[in-house]
Amino acid sequence: MNLHFIAIGGSVMHQLAIALHRKGYTITGSDDELFEPAKGNLDREGLLPPANGWFPGKIHAGLDAIILGMHAKADNPELLRAGELGLPIYSFPEYIYQESRDKTRVVVGGSHGKTTTTSMIMHVLRAAGMDFDYLVGARLEGFEQSVNITHAPLIVCEGDEYPASTLEKRPKFHFLFPHIAILTGIAWDHINVFPTFENYLDQFRTFIDKIEPGGVLIYNQTDPVLSALVEKHPHPVRKIGYAIPVHAIENGTTVVELEGHRGKLKVFGDHNLLNLQAAFLACKELGVEASAFVSFMGSFTGAAKRLELLAANEHTSVYRDFAHAPSKVRATMEAVKRQFPGRRLIAVLELHTYSSLNEAFMDQYRGSLDPADIAAVFYSKHALELKRLPDLPREKVLDGFGRQDLAVINRKEGLVEWLGQHSFENATLLLMSSGDYDGWDIAGFAKAISRS
């Protein structure tokens, strides 16, 4: 195959390019800007474009297909040239399907928990010695890339509900056609993409329609919205509901029990236990026994930025989490509070996404930070400017979260100063964001307070 990537520098695009290059395909690509780690990764594989920019001359009739990245615009000159030549043009998920037509496909969807659930399945299948391809949205210990495409008979994919490309506005997970599907829950938080809750629900109904005949849907039956949607859906697939498995917290460690087999975990929280149960049911469909699953999960440390322990000492722990949507914030807060009930919880949430920075969406966060003893909300002026949003007044944040003692901070220096006013003795610091706190060195700060 001879493939060209338009916007090759994307976080998943460049990894797909590398995977297909290693498979033996001829790969070219372009991008207007390339940043690390994509730039270095592509360079090491001999795939780095010689110059930034778009070059219609790279598009020729000898190409088998074009793979179109998310940030390429509809008037991209390479895309226009491909259209003139009548070349097949695929979004990222559409091409993943082309490469996996003859594989058993496992797809994890839902508003939250997708990455962790996918990572759990991958961790167990690898420990079980099974050959599989994968697509996951975060770095996972033991896996060199977040995308791999080989000749394996099985593929495990995280499937999200965002649009597939500038040309294809339907969600990515509509193009993966699973044999084993998982839905982890439904919580509307993409108001810029799905203007109404009913419109958002329709995306999940369509996903269920895409399950292959004879397939199975594993779904979180503790989510009333999802449960009602699945139960009413007419598609004749086998439906398996799941809930939180039997477990206990023993000396600060969560112990889980599946089909009579007990094992200690390095992850914790009800949301992670739900993710684990979904992963177990998928692995069971693939032939993994409960005893093996429990044993293998004992070494699972989580995906990057998913309740990731940055630093700790005998009286302080610092966790970083990707939580940003209201449902994710609540789940993460509750998990940490339950795991360390004798410690103070200091929580910082960065508002970074379009929805979270939107004044009209603010009341969706009401009560989400209440479990914290001390709490702050941070957002940068730069993030508002990039999304072309108006200023977010402090009083609107306070009203939305329903907590008048909340610190509302919009300067990185102000956040560091605020944190410096607090003691972390007998405390857990929880840093939640899908961004980077305007470039703040989170890991360095965590290490510094753990040494104090």
Protein backbone atom coordinates (compact mmCIF):
# COMPACT_ATOMS: atom_id res chain seq x y z
CA MET A 1 0.00 0.00 0.00
CA ASN A 2 1.10 3.54 -0.82
CA LEU A 3 -0.53 6.00 1.60
CA HIS A 4 -0.34 9.75 2.19
CA PHE A 5 -1.25 11.37 5.52
CA ILE A 6 -2.64 14.90 5.48
CA ALA A 7 -1.90 16.35 8.97
CA ILE A 8 0.52 13.56 9.84
CA GLY A 9 1.62 15.25 13.07
CA GLY A 10 -1.55 14.48 15.04
CA SER A 11 -1.12 12.47 18.23
CA VAL A 12 -2.76 9.36 16.79
CA MET A 13 -2.14 10.13 13.11
CA HIS A 14 1.63 9.97 13.39
CA GLN A 15 1.46 6.74 15.36
CA LEU A 16 -0.75 5.12 12.72
CA ALA A 17 1.73 6.27 10.07
CA ILE A 18 4.58 4.63 12.02
CA ALA A 19 2.61 1.41 12.56
CA LEU A 20 1.79 1.08 8.86
CA HIS A 21 5.37 1.92 7.90
CA ARG A 22 6.54 -0.92 10.13
CA LYS A 23 3.98 -3.16 8.49
CA GLY A 24 5.75 -2.54 5.17
CA TYR A 25 3.60 0.18 3.63
CA THR A 26 5.03 3.20 1.79
CA ILE A 27 4.11 6.29 3.82
CA THR A 28 4.34 10.00 3.03
CA GLY A 29 2.79 12.91 4.87
CA SER A 30 2.46 16.65 5.36
CA ASP A 31 1.61 19.09 8.13
CA ASP A 32 1.71 22.83 8.63
CA GLU A 33 3.22 22.48 12.11
CA LEU A 34 4.94 19.58 13.85
CA PHE A 35 5.56 19.37 17.58
CA GLU A 36 7.13 16.87 19.94
CA PRO A 37 6.76 14.00 20.47
CA ALA A 38 5.36 13.52 16.94
CA LYS A 39 8.26 15.33 15.29
CA GLY A 40 10.94 13.19 16.91
CA ASN A 41 8.99 9.97 16.49
CA LEU A 42 8.49 10.56 12.77
CA ASP A 43 12.13 11.58 12.32
CA ARG A 44 13.40 8.37 13.92
CA GLU A 45 11.29 6.34 11.48
CA GLY A 46 12.40 8.33 8.44
CA LEU A 47 8.88 9.72 7.98
CA LEU A 48 9.39 13.38 8.96
CA PRO A 49 8.26 15.69 6.13
CA PRO A 50 11.25 17.68 4.79
CA ALA A 51 9.38 20.97 5.24
CA ASN A 52 6.26 22.21 6.99
CA GLY A 53 3.30 23.09 4.82
CA TRP A 54 0.92 21.64 2.25
CA PHE A 55 2.28 20.46 -1.10
CA PRO A 56 -0.28 19.38 -3.73
CA GLY A 57 2.58 17.90 -5.75
CA LYS A 58 2.80 15.09 -3.18
CA ILE A 59 -0.65 13.94 -4.26
CA HIS A 60 -0.51 11.70 -7.33
CA ALA A 61 -2.44 8.91 -9.02
CA GLY A 62 -0.09 6.25 -7.68
CA LEU A 63 -1.41 6.65 -4.13
CA ASP A 64 -3.75 3.93 -2.88
CA ALA A 65 -5.43 6.21 -0.35
CA ILE A 66 -5.34 9.47 1.60
CA ILE A 67 -5.71 9.47 5.39
CA LEU A 68 -7.11 12.78 6.59
CA GLY A 69 -6.29 14.18 10.04
CA MET A 70 -8.67 16.13 12.25
CA HIS A 71 -7.02 19.54 12.02
CA ALA A 72 -6.86 19.63 8.20
CA LYS A 73 -9.39 22.12 6.84
CA ALA A 74 -11.84 21.48 4.00
CA ASP A 75 -9.91 23.85 1.69
CA ASN A 76 -6.58 22.09 2.30
CA PRO A 77 -4.74 22.17 -1.07
CA GLU A 78 -3.60 18.53 -0.77
CA LEU A 79 -7.14 17.44 0.02
CA LEU A 80 -8.51 19.38 -2.95
CA ARG A 81 -5.94 17.77 -5.23
CA ALA A 82 -6.85 14.30 -3.93
CA GLY A 83 -10.48 15.05 -4.74
CA GLU A 84 -9.58 16.10 -8.27
CA LEU A 85 -7.76 12.79 -8.80
CA GLY A 86 -10.62 10.78 -7.33
CA LEU A 87 -8.39 9.13 -4.70
CA PRO A 88 -9.99 7.25 -1.80
CA ILE A 89 -10.01 9.55 1.25
CA TYR A 90 -10.38 8.06 4.73
CA SER A 91 -10.66 9.58 8.16
CA PHE A 92 -8.52 7.92 10.83
CA PRO A 93 -11.24 5.55 12.13
CA GLU A 94 -12.44 4.71 8.61
CA TYR A 95 -8.95 3.55 7.74
CA ILE A 96 -8.59 1.60 10.98
CA TYR A 97 -11.65 -0.36 9.86
CA GLN A 98 -10.12 -0.97 6.43
CA GLU A 99 -7.13 -2.56 8.15
CA SER A 100 -9.28 -4.64 10.51
CA ARG A 101 -12.05 -5.99 8.27
CA ASP A 102 -10.94 -9.58 8.87
CA LYS A 103 -10.19 -9.16 12.59
CA THR A 104 -12.38 -9.64 15.65
CA ARG A 105 -13.09 -6.06 16.72
CA VAL A 106 -13.52 -4.94 20.34
CA VAL A 107 -14.64 -1.30 20.66
CA VAL A 108 -14.99 0.63 23.93
CA GLY A 109 -17.35 3.62 23.81
CA GLY A 110 -18.98 5.88 26.38
CA SER A 111 -18.64 9.38 27.78
CA HIS A 112 -16.05 8.38 30.37
CA GLY A 113 -13.73 5.50 31.23
CA LYS A 114 -12.97 4.54 27.61
CA THR A 115 -9.21 4.88 27.83
CA THR A 116 -8.88 3.04 31.14
CA THR A 117 -11.19 0.20 30.10
CA THR A 118 -9.36 -0.22 26.78
CA SER A 119 -6.03 -0.16 28.61
CA MET A 120 -7.18 -2.83 31.06
CA ILE A 121 -8.20 -5.14 28.22
CA MET A 122 -4.87 -4.57 26.47
CA HIS A 123 -2.91 -5.22 29.67
CA VAL A 124 -4.67 -8.52 30.29
CA LEU A 125 -4.51 -9.76 26.69
CA ARG A 126 -0.79 -9.05 26.59
CA ALA A 127 -0.22 -10.85 29.89
CA ALA A 128 -2.24 -13.77 28.51
CA GLY A 129 0.07 -13.97 25.48
CA MET A 130 -2.61 -13.13 22.94
CA ASP A 131 -1.77 -11.48 19.60
CA PHE A 132 -3.76 -8.30 19.02
CA ASP A 133 -3.71 -4.82 17.49
CA TYR A 134 -4.92 -1.76 19.35
CA LEU A 135 -5.93 1.88 19.35
CA VAL A 136 -5.99 3.71 22.70
CA GLY A 137 -6.02 7.37 23.67
CA ALA A 138 -3.14 7.47 26.15
CA ARG A 139 0.31 6.16 26.88
CA LEU A 140 0.22 2.75 28.56
CA GLU A 141 3.10 1.13 30.40
CA GLY A 142 4.57 -1.74 28.39
CA PHE A 143 3.26 -0.50 25.02
CA GLU A 144 5.59 1.50 22.79
CA GLN A 145 2.79 3.24 20.90
CA SER A 146 -0.90 4.02 21.37
CA VAL A 147 -1.69 2.57 17.89
CA ASN A 148 -0.52 -0.71 16.42
CA ILE A 149 -1.61 -2.39 13.19
CA THR A 150 -0.15 -5.77 12.23
CA HIS A 151 -1.54 -9.06 10.91
CA ALA A 152 -3.03 -9.97 14.32
CA PRO A 153 -6.50 -11.59 14.29
CA LEU A 154 -7.90 -9.23 16.96
CA ILE A 155 -8.04 -5.46 17.48
CA VAL A 156 -9.03 -3.54 20.63
CA CYS A 157 -10.11 0.07 20.01
CA GLU A 158 -11.08 3.04 22.10
CA GLY A 159 -13.94 4.61 20.16
CA ASP A 160 -14.98 8.17 20.87
CA GLU A 161 -17.96 10.21 19.82
CA TYR A 162 -16.14 13.20 18.32
CA PRO A 163 -16.33 13.83 14.54
CA ALA A 164 -14.03 11.69 12.40
CA SER A 165 -12.60 14.47 10.20
CA THR A 166 -13.28 17.83 8.57
CA LEU A 167 -15.16 16.00 5.81
CA GLU A 168 -16.79 13.32 7.93
CA LYS A 169 -18.76 14.84 10.80
CA ARG A 170 -20.12 11.55 12.12
CA PRO A 171 -18.49 10.23 15.31
CA LYS A 172 -15.37 8.10 15.10
CA PHE A 173 -16.95 5.10 16.82
CA HIS A 174 -19.57 4.80 14.08
CA PHE A 175 -16.91 3.47 11.72
CA LEU A 176 -15.44 0.61 13.75
CA PHE A 177 -18.26 -2.00 13.61
CA PRO A 178 -17.52 -4.03 16.74
CA HIS A 179 -18.11 -7.70 17.40
CA ILE A 180 -17.70 -6.97 21.12
CA ALA A 181 -18.91 -3.51 22.13
CA ILE A 182 -18.67 -1.79 25.52
CA LEU A 183 -20.58 1.30 26.63
CA THR A 184 -19.29 2.72 29.92
CA GLY A 185 -21.86 5.44 30.50
CA ILE A 186 -23.48 8.55 29.05
CA ALA A 187 -22.90 12.10 30.26
CA TRP A 188 -23.51 15.00 27.86
CA ASP A 189 -20.53 17.35 27.92
CA HIS A 190 -19.76 18.20 24.28
CA ILE A 191 -22.17 21.09 23.73
CA ASN A 192 -20.04 22.51 20.91
CA VAL A 193 -20.47 19.28 18.91
CA PHE A 194 -23.85 17.97 20.11
CA PRO A 195 -26.17 20.93 20.78
CA THR A 196 -28.85 18.92 22.61
CA PHE A 197 -28.81 15.92 24.92
CA GLU A 198 -31.15 14.02 22.61
CA ASN A 199 -28.77 14.57 19.72
CA TYR A 200 -25.96 13.20 21.89
CA LEU A 201 -28.03 10.11 22.77
CA ASP A 202 -28.62 9.46 19.09
CA GLN A 203 -24.89 8.90 18.60
CA PHE A 204 -24.99 5.96 21.02
CA ARG A 205 -28.12 4.51 19.45
CA THR A 206 -26.32 4.54 16.11
CA PHE A 207 -23.24 2.93 17.68
CA ILE A 208 -25.39 0.04 18.89
CA ASP A 209 -26.81 -0.31 15.37
CA LYS A 210 -23.24 -0.72 14.10
CA ILE A 211 -22.53 -3.83 16.21
CA GLU A 212 -22.00 -6.80 13.91
CA PRO A 213 -24.77 -9.44 13.70
CA GLY A 214 -24.28 -12.01 16.45
CA GLY A 215 -22.22 -9.51 18.45
CA VAL A 216 -22.40 -8.60 22.13
CA LEU A 217 -23.01 -5.29 23.93
CA ILE A 218 -21.51 -4.99 27.41
CA TYR A 219 -23.00 -1.96 29.15
CA ASN A 220 -22.96 -0.18 32.52
CA GLN A 221 -26.35 -0.99 33.98
CA THR A 222 -25.74 1.37 36.96
CA ASP A 223 -26.08 4.32 34.56
CA PRO A 224 -29.86 4.90 34.33
CA VAL A 225 -29.68 6.85 31.06
CA LEU A 226 -27.54 4.23 29.33
CA SER A 227 -29.51 1.34 30.81
CA ALA A 228 -32.81 2.77 29.55
CA LEU A 229 -31.35 3.43 26.11
CA VAL A 230 -29.96 -0.11 25.78
CA GLU A 231 -33.09 -1.82 27.07
CA LYS A 232 -35.31 0.06 24.61
CA HIS A 233 -33.00 -0.43 21.66
CA PRO A 234 -34.36 -2.99 19.16
CA HIS A 235 -31.04 -4.20 17.70
CA PRO A 236 -30.95 -7.99 18.36
CA VAL A 237 -27.49 -8.24 19.91
CA ARG A 238 -26.66 -10.12 23.07
CA LYS A 239 -26.75 -7.60 25.93
CA ILE A 240 -24.74 -8.02 29.14
CA GLY A 241 -25.19 -5.45 31.91
CA TYR A 242 -22.54 -4.93 34.56
CA ALA A 243 -22.14 -3.19 37.91
CA ILE A 244 -19.42 -2.65 40.53
CA PRO A 245 -17.88 -6.04 41.43
CA VAL A 246 -17.46 -7.35 44.97
CA HIS A 247 -14.50 -5.60 46.57
CA ALA A 248 -13.02 -4.25 49.78
CA ILE A 249 -10.43 -1.66 50.82
CA GLU A 250 -7.84 -3.34 53.05
CA ASN A 251 -5.07 -1.19 54.53
CA GLY A 252 -5.43 1.38 51.76
CA THR A 253 -5.45 -1.24 48.96
CA THR A 254 -8.49 -2.23 46.93
CA VAL A 255 -9.11 -5.98 46.71
CA VAL A 256 -11.51 -7.24 44.03
CA GLU A 257 -13.35 -10.55 43.73
CA LEU A 258 -14.48 -12.05 40.40
CA GLU A 259 -16.16 -15.45 40.23
CA GLY A 260 -14.62 -16.41 43.59
CA HIS A 261 -11.09 -15.27 42.73
CA ARG A 262 -9.63 -12.40 44.82
CA GLY A 263 -6.72 -10.12 44.03
CA LYS A 264 -5.15 -6.81 45.07
CA LEU A 265 -5.28 -3.84 42.70
CA LYS A 266 -3.04 -0.84 42.20
CA VAL A 267 -5.97 1.26 40.94
CA PHE A 268 -8.98 2.29 43.00
CA GLY A 269 -12.37 3.97 42.94
CA ASP A 270 -15.86 2.87 41.91
CA HIS A 271 -15.34 4.17 38.37
CA ASN A 272 -12.21 2.03 37.99
CA LEU A 273 -14.02 -0.99 39.42
CA LEU A 274 -16.76 -0.48 36.84
CA ASN A 275 -14.11 -0.21 34.13
CA LEU A 276 -12.50 -3.39 35.42
CA GLN A 277 -15.78 -5.30 35.34
CA ALA A 278 -16.41 -4.22 31.74
CA ALA A 279 -12.87 -5.24 30.78
CA PHE A 280 -13.33 -8.62 32.48
CA LEU A 281 -16.54 -9.36 30.57
CA ALA A 282 -14.84 -8.47 27.26
CA CYS A 283 -11.80 -10.61 28.07
CA LYS A 284 -14.09 -13.45 29.11
CA GLU A 285 -15.71 -13.29 25.66
CA LEU A 286 -12.19 -13.69 24.25
CA GLY A 287 -11.45 -16.76 26.37
CA VAL A 288 -9.64 -15.34 29.42
CA GLU A 289 -10.57 -17.09 32.70
CA ALA A 290 -11.51 -15.08 35.81
CA SER A 291 -8.54 -16.42 37.81
CA ALA A 292 -6.10 -15.25 35.12
CA PHE A 293 -7.82 -11.87 34.73
CA VAL A 294 -7.63 -11.13 38.46
CA SER A 295 -3.98 -12.19 38.59
CA PHE A 296 -3.00 -10.06 35.58
CA MET A 297 -4.90 -6.99 36.83
CA GLY A 298 -2.76 -6.95 39.96
CA SER A 299 0.07 -5.38 37.96
CA PHE A 300 -2.07 -2.81 36.13
CA THR A 301 -0.99 0.69 37.14
CA GLY A 302 -3.39 2.66 34.95
CA ALA A 303 -3.12 4.75 31.81
CA ALA A 304 -1.22 8.04 31.76
CA LYS A 305 -3.07 10.89 33.51
CA ARG A 306 -5.80 8.57 34.81
CA LEU A 307 -5.44 8.83 38.60
CA GLU A 308 -1.71 8.77 37.96
CA LEU A 309 0.38 8.94 41.14
CA LEU A 310 2.98 11.66 40.55
CA ALA A 311 4.70 11.57 43.94
CA ALA A 312 4.10 10.44 47.51
CA ASN A 313 5.58 10.18 50.98
CA GLU A 314 4.22 8.82 54.24
CA HIS A 315 1.76 11.69 54.71
CA THR A 316 1.17 13.16 51.22
CA SER A 317 0.08 11.83 47.81
CA VAL A 318 -0.19 13.82 44.57
CA TYR A 319 -2.42 12.50 41.80
CA ARG A 320 -2.98 13.78 38.28
CA ASP A 321 -6.20 12.90 36.45
CA PHE A 322 -7.65 13.64 33.02
CA ALA A 323 -11.04 14.46 34.57
CA HIS A 324 -12.60 17.57 33.04
CA ALA A 325 -16.27 16.84 32.32
CA PRO A 326 -18.63 17.09 35.33
CA SER A 327 -19.31 13.34 35.59
CA LYS A 328 -15.58 12.55 35.44
CA VAL A 329 -14.76 15.14 38.09
CA ARG A 330 -17.37 13.72 40.46
CA ALA A 331 -16.18 10.14 39.97
CA THR A 332 -12.52 11.02 40.52
CA MET A 333 -13.24 13.15 43.60
CA GLU A 334 -15.33 10.41 45.20
CA ALA A 335 -12.69 7.76 44.44
CA VAL A 336 -9.86 9.69 46.12
CA LYS A 337 -11.99 10.66 49.12
CA ARG A 338 -13.01 7.04 49.73
CA GLN A 339 -9.49 5.69 49.27
CA PHE A 340 -7.95 8.15 51.76
CA PRO A 341 -10.77 8.91 54.21
CA GLY A 342 -8.44 10.10 56.98
CA ARG A 343 -6.68 12.70 54.85
CA ARG A 344 -7.63 16.19 53.75
CA LEU A 345 -8.40 16.44 50.03
CA ILE A 346 -7.02 19.45 48.18
CA ALA A 347 -8.42 19.58 44.64
CA VAL A 348 -7.56 21.74 41.63
CA LEU A 349 -9.65 21.56 38.46
CA GLU A 350 -8.52 23.23 35.24
CA LEU A 351 -11.29 24.32 32.87
CA HIS A 352 -9.78 23.75 29.44
CA THR A 353 -12.34 22.35 26.98
CA TYR A 354 -14.86 24.39 24.99
CA SER A 355 -17.75 23.14 27.13
CA SER A 356 -16.02 23.68 30.48
CA LEU A 357 -15.09 27.27 29.58
CA ASN A 358 -18.62 28.08 28.45
CA GLU A 359 -20.60 30.16 30.93
CA ALA A 360 -23.85 28.43 29.92
CA PHE A 361 -22.41 25.03 30.90
CA MET A 362 -21.07 26.05 34.30
CA ASP A 363 -24.03 24.86 36.38
CA GLN A 364 -23.37 21.27 35.20
CA TYR A 365 -20.46 21.31 37.68
CA ARG A 366 -22.66 22.11 40.67
CA GLY A 367 -21.49 20.16 43.72
CA SER A 368 -18.74 18.32 41.83
CA LEU A 369 -15.94 19.75 44.02
CA ASP A 370 -17.85 19.46 47.30
CA PRO A 371 -15.91 16.38 48.57
CA ALA A 372 -12.73 18.48 48.71
CA ASP A 373 -11.70 20.17 51.93
CA ILE A 374 -9.95 22.86 49.89
CA ALA A 375 -10.70 23.47 46.21
CA ALA A 376 -9.67 25.70 43.34
CA VAL A 377 -10.74 26.17 39.72
CA PHE A 378 -8.09 27.36 37.27
CA TYR A 379 -8.49 28.56 33.69
CA SER A 380 -6.15 30.61 31.53
CA LYS A 381 -6.94 33.64 29.45
CA HIS A 382 -4.98 31.98 26.65
CA ALA A 383 -7.38 29.01 26.54
CA LEU A 384 -10.36 31.36 26.23
CA GLU A 385 -8.64 33.25 23.40
CA LEU A 386 -7.79 30.06 21.49
CA LYS A 387 -11.42 28.95 21.62
CA ARG A 388 -12.65 32.46 20.81
CA LEU A 389 -14.76 32.54 23.94
CA PRO A 390 -15.60 35.62 26.02
CA ASP A 391 -14.12 36.13 29.46
CA LEU A 392 -15.46 33.81 32.15
CA PRO A 393 -16.36 35.95 35.20
CA ARG A 394 -15.32 34.67 38.63
CA GLU A 395 -18.85 35.02 40.01
CA LYS A 396 -20.25 32.78 37.24
CA VAL A 397 -17.80 30.04 38.24
CA LEU A 398 -18.72 30.38 41.92
CA ASP A 399 -22.44 30.28 41.11
CA GLY A 400 -22.04 27.32 38.77
CA PHE A 401 -20.05 25.16 41.18
CA GLY A 402 -22.25 26.25 44.09
CA ARG A 403 -19.29 26.70 46.43
CA GLN A 404 -18.52 30.18 47.68
CA ASP A 405 -15.18 29.29 49.29
CA LEU A 406 -13.85 28.11 45.94
CA ALA A 407 -10.62 29.76 44.78
CA VAL A 408 -10.98 30.92 41.17
CA ILE A 409 -7.61 31.55 39.52
CA ASN A 410 -6.73 32.47 35.93
CA ARG A 411 -2.96 32.98 36.11
CA LYS A 412 -0.42 30.17 36.38
CA GLU A 413 1.63 32.23 38.83
CA GLY A 414 -1.48 32.79 40.92
CA LEU A 415 -2.12 29.05 41.10
CA VAL A 416 1.42 28.33 42.28
CA GLU A 417 1.10 31.10 44.88
CA TRP A 418 -2.26 29.72 46.10
CA LEU A 419 -0.86 26.21 46.47
CA GLY A 420 2.12 27.62 48.37
CA GLN A 421 -0.25 28.92 51.04
CA HIS A 422 -1.37 25.41 52.00
CA SER A 423 0.17 22.61 54.01
CA PHE A 424 0.15 19.14 52.45
CA GLU A 425 0.71 17.32 55.73
CA ASN A 426 -1.77 14.41 55.91
CA ALA A 427 -3.31 15.43 52.59
CA THR A 428 -3.98 14.24 49.06
CA LEU A 429 -3.49 16.76 46.27
CA LEU A 430 -5.63 16.00 43.22
CA LEU A 431 -4.87 17.87 39.97
CA MET A 432 -7.58 17.41 37.34
CA SER A 433 -7.26 18.64 33.76
CA SER A 434 -7.30 17.71 30.08
CA GLY A 435 -4.78 20.54 29.55
CA ASP A 436 -1.44 21.46 31.11
CA TYR A 437 -2.21 24.37 33.47
CA ASP A 438 -0.75 26.83 30.96
CA GLY A 439 2.62 25.04 30.93
CA TRP A 440 3.04 24.62 34.70
CA ASP A 441 5.55 21.93 35.71
CA ILE A 442 3.12 19.67 37.58
CA ALA A 443 5.53 16.76 38.00
CA GLY A 444 8.25 19.02 39.40
CA PHE A 445 5.86 20.57 41.89
CA ALA A 446 4.64 17.14 43.00
CA LYS A 447 8.17 15.91 43.63
CA ALA A 448 9.05 19.08 45.54
CA ILE A 449 6.19 18.79 48.03
CA SER A 450 6.75 15.04 48.47
CA ARG A 451 10.27 15.78 49.68
CA SER A 452 9.05 18.29 52.27
